[in-house]
Amino acid sequence: MDLSYIAVFAALIAAFSLIPGIPLAAGVPVTLQTLAVILTGMVLGPARGGAAAGLYVLAGLAGLPVFSGFSSGIGVLAGPSAGFLLAFPLAALVAGLLVRVLLARIRRARFAVLFAVGLGTSLFILHPLGIAGVMLNAKLSFPAALAADMAFWPGDVIKNLAAAAAAVSVFAAFPRLVPGTRNAHR
């Protein structure tokens, strides 16, 4: 069962990356990948969520055209999106861990907790590593890379609202997936 969850959510991340991105000046497009990565961690938990995001990244690096714009291969690591892509497994792991810890203790306001987890993971995991990738590969200074990254922030609020809403719906439909419940995922 674990492998099927991992494969399905890796495919979900890939599907969300195939929706055309909105190009920005720094060369990193706005995509729905981050929504899928955060949702994967929220629903699958740290180990399976991290594994699903890791499988997605490995599949793309191995040559499957699953990255934004149907790109793939090791060459993407030389592009400005590299930091974001490499952050995906860690972001899913952290989101899953935070959801597991917080939902086991907080029974009310699930949506608010999930939104806070998603936004916090975006701001403290995805964006710092994304900024580092832009600095390294696009040769931007920290202030310039930070300014370029700020263009993603409003969309991340919306994407994390959507991820929280989707996770609440999944947990309502499949209560045994909720962390802290009997037979919850590991």
C-alpha atoms as a PDB file:
ATOM      1  CA  MET A   1       0.000   0.000   0.000  1.00  0.00           C
ATOM      2  CA  ASP A   2       2.815   2.442   0.796  1.00  0.00           C
ATOM      3  CA  LEU A   3       4.365   2.083  -2.655  1.00  0.00           C
ATOM      4  CA  SER A   4       1.055   2.768  -4.363  1.00  0.00           C
ATOM      5  CA  TYR A   5       0.530   5.960  -2.317  1.00  0.00           C
ATOM      6  CA  ILE A   6       4.077   7.076  -3.124  1.00  0.00           C
ATOM      7  CA  ALA A   7       3.660   6.388  -6.841  1.00  0.00           C
ATOM      8  CA  VAL A   8       0.239   8.059  -7.063  1.00  0.00           C
ATOM      9  CA  PHE A   9       1.401  11.213  -5.300  1.00  0.00           C
ATOM     10  CA  ALA A  10       4.613  11.377  -7.354  1.00  0.00           C
ATOM     11  CA  ALA A  11       2.349  11.232 -10.415  1.00  0.00           C
ATOM     12  CA  LEU A  12       0.155  13.974  -8.903  1.00  0.00           C
ATOM     13  CA  ILE A  13       3.173  16.256  -8.525  1.00  0.00           C
ATOM     14  CA  ALA A  14       4.135  15.478 -12.131  1.00  0.00           C
ATOM     15  CA  ALA A  15       0.602  16.217 -13.345  1.00  0.00           C
ATOM     16  CA  PHE A  16       0.575  19.568 -11.538  1.00  0.00           C
ATOM     17  CA  SER A  17       3.918  20.468 -13.129  1.00  0.00           C
ATOM     18  CA  LEU A  18       2.557  19.908 -16.619  1.00  0.00           C
ATOM     19  CA  ILE A  19       0.037  22.728 -16.301  1.00  0.00           C
ATOM     20  CA  PRO A  20       1.803  25.571 -18.117  1.00  0.00           C
ATOM     21  CA  GLY A  21       3.741  27.810 -15.769  1.00  0.00           C
ATOM     22  CA  ILE A  22       3.786  31.580 -15.749  1.00  0.00           C
ATOM     23  CA  PRO A  23       7.324  32.735 -16.602  1.00  0.00           C
ATOM     24  CA  LEU A  24       8.965  35.278 -14.306  1.00  0.00           C
ATOM     25  CA  ALA A  25      12.049  37.444 -14.758  1.00  0.00           C
ATOM     26  CA  ALA A  26      14.426  35.223 -12.754  1.00  0.00           C
ATOM     27  CA  GLY A  27      13.683  32.232 -14.996  1.00  0.00           C
ATOM     28  CA  VAL A  28      11.629  30.303 -12.433  1.00  0.00           C
ATOM     29  CA  PRO A  29       8.015  29.894 -13.563  1.00  0.00           C
ATOM     30  CA  VAL A  30       5.005  30.004 -11.274  1.00  0.00           C
ATOM     31  CA  THR A  31       3.614  26.463 -11.289  1.00  0.00           C
ATOM     32  CA  LEU A  32       1.303  24.313  -9.218  1.00  0.00           C
ATOM     33  CA  GLN A  33       4.106  21.904  -8.273  1.00  0.00           C
ATOM     34  CA  THR A  34       4.517  23.414  -4.819  1.00  0.00           C
ATOM     35  CA  LEU A  35       0.800  22.956  -4.106  1.00  0.00           C
ATOM     36  CA  ALA A  36       1.125  19.260  -4.951  1.00  0.00           C
ATOM     37  CA  VAL A  37       4.342  18.864  -2.929  1.00  0.00           C
ATOM     38  CA  ILE A  38       2.835  20.409   0.209  1.00  0.00           C
ATOM     39  CA  LEU A  39      -0.403  18.445  -0.216  1.00  0.00           C
ATOM     40  CA  THR A  40       1.632  15.251  -0.628  1.00  0.00           C
ATOM     41  CA  GLY A  41       3.408  15.819   2.674  1.00  0.00           C
ATOM     42  CA  MET A  42       0.192  16.751   4.461  1.00  0.00           C
ATOM     43  CA  VAL A  43      -1.702  13.664   3.317  1.00  0.00           C
ATOM     44  CA  LEU A  44       1.019  11.015   3.220  1.00  0.00           C
ATOM     45  CA  GLY A  45       3.066  12.076   6.230  1.00  0.00           C
ATOM     46  CA  PRO A  46       6.809  12.606   6.429  1.00  0.00           C
ATOM     47  CA  ALA A  47       8.258   9.321   5.149  1.00  0.00           C
ATOM     48  CA  ARG A  48       5.837   8.603   2.322  1.00  0.00           C
ATOM     49  CA  GLY A  49       5.467  12.277   1.407  1.00  0.00           C
ATOM     50  CA  GLY A  50       9.223  12.766   1.215  1.00  0.00           C
ATOM     51  CA  ALA A  51       9.549   9.533  -0.768  1.00  0.00           C
ATOM     52  CA  ALA A  52       6.851  10.587  -3.256  1.00  0.00           C
ATOM     53  CA  ALA A  53       8.460  13.991  -3.835  1.00  0.00           C
ATOM     54  CA  GLY A  54      11.867  12.300  -4.049  1.00  0.00           C
ATOM     55  CA  LEU A  55      10.558   9.830  -6.621  1.00  0.00           C
ATOM     56  CA  TYR A  56       9.200  12.722  -8.670  1.00  0.00           C
ATOM     57  CA  VAL A  57      12.562  14.529  -8.606  1.00  0.00           C
ATOM     58  CA  LEU A  58      14.503  11.338  -9.406  1.00  0.00           C
ATOM     59  CA  ALA A  59      12.168  10.513 -12.300  1.00  0.00           C
ATOM     60  CA  GLY A  60      12.724  13.968 -13.760  1.00  0.00           C
ATOM     61  CA  LEU A  61      16.479  13.852 -13.277  1.00  0.00           C
ATOM     62  CA  ALA A  62      16.534  10.411 -14.904  1.00  0.00           C
ATOM     63  CA  GLY A  63      15.010  11.885 -18.055  1.00  0.00           C
ATOM     64  CA  LEU A  64      11.245  11.599 -17.745  1.00  0.00           C
ATOM     65  CA  PRO A  65       9.771  14.947 -18.886  1.00  0.00           C
ATOM     66  CA  VAL A  66       7.916  15.633 -15.640  1.00  0.00           C
ATOM     67  CA  PHE A  67       9.328  19.032 -14.715  1.00  0.00           C
ATOM     68  CA  SER A  68       7.691  22.317 -15.681  1.00  0.00           C
ATOM     69  CA  GLY A  69       7.622  22.847 -19.438  1.00  0.00           C
ATOM     70  CA  PHE A  70       8.167  19.106 -20.025  1.00  0.00           C
ATOM     71  CA  SER A  71      11.815  19.490 -19.081  1.00  0.00           C
ATOM     72  CA  SER A  72      13.942  16.760 -17.554  1.00  0.00           C
ATOM     73  CA  GLY A  73      17.461  15.492 -17.052  1.00  0.00           C
ATOM     74  CA  ILE A  74      20.399  16.462 -14.905  1.00  0.00           C
ATOM     75  CA  GLY A  75      20.754  19.700 -16.868  1.00  0.00           C
ATOM     76  CA  VAL A  76      17.859  21.232 -14.909  1.00  0.00           C
ATOM     77  CA  LEU A  77      20.235  21.388 -11.943  1.00  0.00           C
ATOM     78  CA  ALA A  78      22.079  24.149 -13.795  1.00  0.00           C
ATOM     79  CA  GLY A  79      18.871  26.181 -14.148  1.00  0.00           C
ATOM     80  CA  PRO A  80      17.365  28.705 -11.759  1.00  0.00           C
ATOM     81  CA  SER A  81      14.648  26.268 -10.598  1.00  0.00           C
ATOM     82  CA  ALA A  82      17.172  23.748  -9.226  1.00  0.00           C
ATOM     83  CA  GLY A  83      16.911  24.909  -5.619  1.00  0.00           C
ATOM     84  CA  PHE A  84      13.143  24.573  -5.636  1.00  0.00           C
ATOM     85  CA  LEU A  85      13.229  21.116  -7.233  1.00  0.00           C
ATOM     86  CA  LEU A  86      15.819  19.823  -4.785  1.00  0.00           C
ATOM     87  CA  ALA A  87      13.765  21.245  -1.892  1.00  0.00           C
ATOM     88  CA  PHE A  88      10.651  19.271  -2.822  1.00  0.00           C
ATOM     89  CA  PRO A  89      11.446  16.050  -0.892  1.00  0.00           C
ATOM     90  CA  LEU A  90      12.508  17.997   2.205  1.00  0.00           C
ATOM     91  CA  ALA A  91       9.413  20.212   1.996  1.00  0.00           C
ATOM     92  CA  ALA A  92       7.073  17.208   1.765  1.00  0.00           C
ATOM     93  CA  LEU A  93       8.879  15.546   4.663  1.00  0.00           C
ATOM     94  CA  VAL A  94       8.698  18.663   6.859  1.00  0.00           C
ATOM     95  CA  ALA A  95       5.049  19.359   5.991  1.00  0.00           C
ATOM     96  CA  GLY A  96       4.176  15.755   6.804  1.00  0.00           C
ATOM     97  CA  LEU A  97       6.057  15.843  10.081  1.00  0.00           C
ATOM     98  CA  LEU A  98       4.442  19.104  11.174  1.00  0.00           C
ATOM     99  CA  VAL A  99       0.964  17.858  10.252  1.00  0.00           C
ATOM    100  CA  ARG A 100       1.548  14.637  12.168  1.00  0.00           C
ATOM    101  CA  VAL A 101       2.734  16.476  15.291  1.00  0.00           C
ATOM    102  CA  LEU A 102       0.143  19.257  15.222  1.00  0.00           C
ATOM    103  CA  LEU A 103      -2.989  17.342  14.210  1.00  0.00           C
ATOM    104  CA  ALA A 104      -2.282  14.707  16.848  1.00  0.00           C
ATOM    105  CA  ARG A 105      -2.529  17.503  19.446  1.00  0.00           C
ATOM    106  CA  ILE A 106      -4.993  19.950  17.887  1.00  0.00           C
ATOM    107  CA  ARG A 107      -8.424  18.584  17.061  1.00  0.00           C
ATOM    108  CA  ARG A 108     -10.098  21.833  16.039  1.00  0.00           C
ATOM    109  CA  ALA A 109      -9.250  24.332  13.368  1.00  0.00           C
ATOM    110  CA  ARG A 110      -7.693  21.694  11.100  1.00  0.00           C
ATOM    111  CA  PHE A 111      -7.867  23.964   8.087  1.00  0.00           C
ATOM    112  CA  ALA A 112      -5.983  26.741   9.895  1.00  0.00           C
ATOM    113  CA  VAL A 113      -3.327  24.305  11.132  1.00  0.00           C
ATOM    114  CA  LEU A 114      -2.866  22.810   7.666  1.00  0.00           C
ATOM    115  CA  PHE A 115      -2.657  26.247   6.061  1.00  0.00           C
ATOM    116  CA  ALA A 116      -0.063  27.381   8.618  1.00  0.00           C
ATOM    117  CA  VAL A 117       1.972  24.229   8.031  1.00  0.00           C
ATOM    118  CA  GLY A 118       1.866  24.697   4.256  1.00  0.00           C
ATOM    119  CA  LEU A 119       2.754  28.367   4.328  1.00  0.00           C
ATOM    120  CA  GLY A 120       5.475  27.851   6.936  1.00  0.00           C
ATOM    121  CA  THR A 121       7.006  25.027   4.934  1.00  0.00           C
ATOM    122  CA  SER A 122       6.913  27.155   1.795  1.00  0.00           C
ATOM    123  CA  LEU A 123       8.522  30.151   3.481  1.00  0.00           C
ATOM    124  CA  PHE A 124      11.151  28.299   5.511  1.00  0.00           C
ATOM    125  CA  ILE A 125      12.058  25.352   3.256  1.00  0.00           C
ATOM    126  CA  LEU A 126      11.070  25.928  -0.375  1.00  0.00           C
ATOM    127  CA  HIS A 127      11.865  29.611  -0.681  1.00  0.00           C
ATOM    128  CA  PRO A 128      15.280  29.670   1.021  1.00  0.00           C
ATOM    129  CA  LEU A 129      16.502  26.747  -1.089  1.00  0.00           C
ATOM    130  CA  GLY A 130      14.882  28.267  -4.176  1.00  0.00           C
ATOM    131  CA  ILE A 131      16.619  31.582  -3.509  1.00  0.00           C
ATOM    132  CA  ALA A 132      19.941  29.751  -3.120  1.00  0.00           C
ATOM    133  CA  GLY A 133      19.404  28.045  -6.490  1.00  0.00           C
ATOM    134  CA  VAL A 134      18.582  31.330  -8.185  1.00  0.00           C
ATOM    135  CA  MET A 135      21.640  32.982  -6.647  1.00  0.00           C
ATOM    136  CA  LEU A 136      23.895  30.135  -7.763  1.00  0.00           C
ATOM    137  CA  ASN A 137      22.532  29.416 -11.223  1.00  0.00           C
ATOM    138  CA  ALA A 138      21.162  32.801 -12.305  1.00  0.00           C
ATOM    139  CA  LYS A 139      24.121  34.617 -10.724  1.00  0.00           C
ATOM    140  CA  LEU A 140      21.885  37.005  -8.773  1.00  0.00           C
ATOM    141  CA  SER A 141      22.852  38.688  -5.525  1.00  0.00           C
ATOM    142  CA  PHE A 142      20.879  37.790  -2.414  1.00  0.00           C
ATOM    143  CA  PRO A 143      18.803  41.009  -2.513  1.00  0.00           C
ATOM    144  CA  ALA A 144      18.026  40.487  -6.208  1.00  0.00           C
ATOM    145  CA  ALA A 145      17.153  36.800  -5.698  1.00  0.00           C
ATOM    146  CA  LEU A 146      14.969  37.656  -2.704  1.00  0.00           C
ATOM    147  CA  ALA A 147      13.194  40.351  -4.690  1.00  0.00           C
ATOM    148  CA  ALA A 148      12.598  37.873  -7.528  1.00  0.00           C
ATOM    149  CA  ASP A 149      11.315  35.295  -5.032  1.00  0.00           C
ATOM    150  CA  MET A 150       8.822  37.729  -3.534  1.00  0.00           C
ATOM    151  CA  ALA A 151       6.814  37.483  -6.755  1.00  0.00           C
ATOM    152  CA  PHE A 152       5.873  33.933  -5.671  1.00  0.00           C
ATOM    153  CA  TRP A 153       4.536  34.866  -2.235  1.00  0.00           C
ATOM    154  CA  PRO A 154       0.956  35.894  -3.119  1.00  0.00           C
ATOM    155  CA  GLY A 155       0.510  32.750  -5.203  1.00  0.00           C
ATOM    156  CA  ASP A 156       1.917  30.618  -2.408  1.00  0.00           C
ATOM    157  CA  VAL A 157      -0.718  31.933  -0.038  1.00  0.00           C
ATOM    158  CA  ILE A 158      -3.411  30.870  -2.518  1.00  0.00           C
ATOM    159  CA  LYS A 159      -1.757  27.505  -3.226  1.00  0.00           C
ATOM    160  CA  ASN A 160      -1.429  26.731   0.482  1.00  0.00           C
ATOM    161  CA  LEU A 161      -5.078  27.651   1.063  1.00  0.00           C
ATOM    162  CA  ALA A 162      -5.937  25.167  -1.708  1.00  0.00           C
ATOM    163  CA  ALA A 163      -3.617  22.493  -0.275  1.00  0.00           C
ATOM    164  CA  ALA A 164      -5.161  22.897   3.185  1.00  0.00           C
ATOM    165  CA  ALA A 165      -8.685  22.670   1.751  1.00  0.00           C
ATOM    166  CA  ALA A 166      -7.776  19.567  -0.260  1.00  0.00           C
ATOM    167  CA  ALA A 167      -6.129  17.917   2.769  1.00  0.00           C
ATOM    168  CA  VAL A 168      -9.188  18.638   4.934  1.00  0.00           C
ATOM    169  CA  SER A 169     -11.338  17.004   2.240  1.00  0.00           C
ATOM    170  CA  VAL A 170      -9.052  13.970   2.020  1.00  0.00           C
ATOM    171  CA  PHE A 171      -9.058  13.585   5.809  1.00  0.00           C
ATOM    172  CA  ALA A 172     -12.873  13.858   5.871  1.00  0.00           C
ATOM    173  CA  ALA A 173     -13.173  11.169   3.201  1.00  0.00           C
ATOM    174  CA  PHE A 174     -10.445   8.949   4.678  1.00  0.00           C
ATOM    175  CA  PRO A 175     -10.395   9.535   8.451  1.00  0.00           C
ATOM    176  CA  ARG A 176      -7.815   6.845   9.062  1.00  0.00           C
ATOM    177  CA  LEU A 177      -5.268   9.002   7.238  1.00  0.00           C
ATOM    178  CA  VAL A 178      -5.592  11.727   9.894  1.00  0.00           C
ATOM    179  CA  PRO A 179      -2.484  11.750  12.100  1.00  0.00           C
ATOM    180  CA  GLY A 180      -3.158  10.795  15.695  1.00  0.00           C
ATOM    181  CA  THR A 181      -6.078   8.522  14.853  1.00  0.00           C
ATOM    182  CA  ARG A 182      -6.056   4.793  15.176  1.00  0.00           C
ATOM    183  CA  ASN A 183      -4.447   3.123  12.157  1.00  0.00           C
ATOM    184  CA  ALA A 184      -3.178   6.479  10.865  1.00  0.00           C
ATOM    185  CA  HIS A 185      -0.451   6.403   8.238  1.00  0.00           C
ATOM    186  CA  ARG A 186       3.142   6.287   9.331  1.00  0.00           C
END
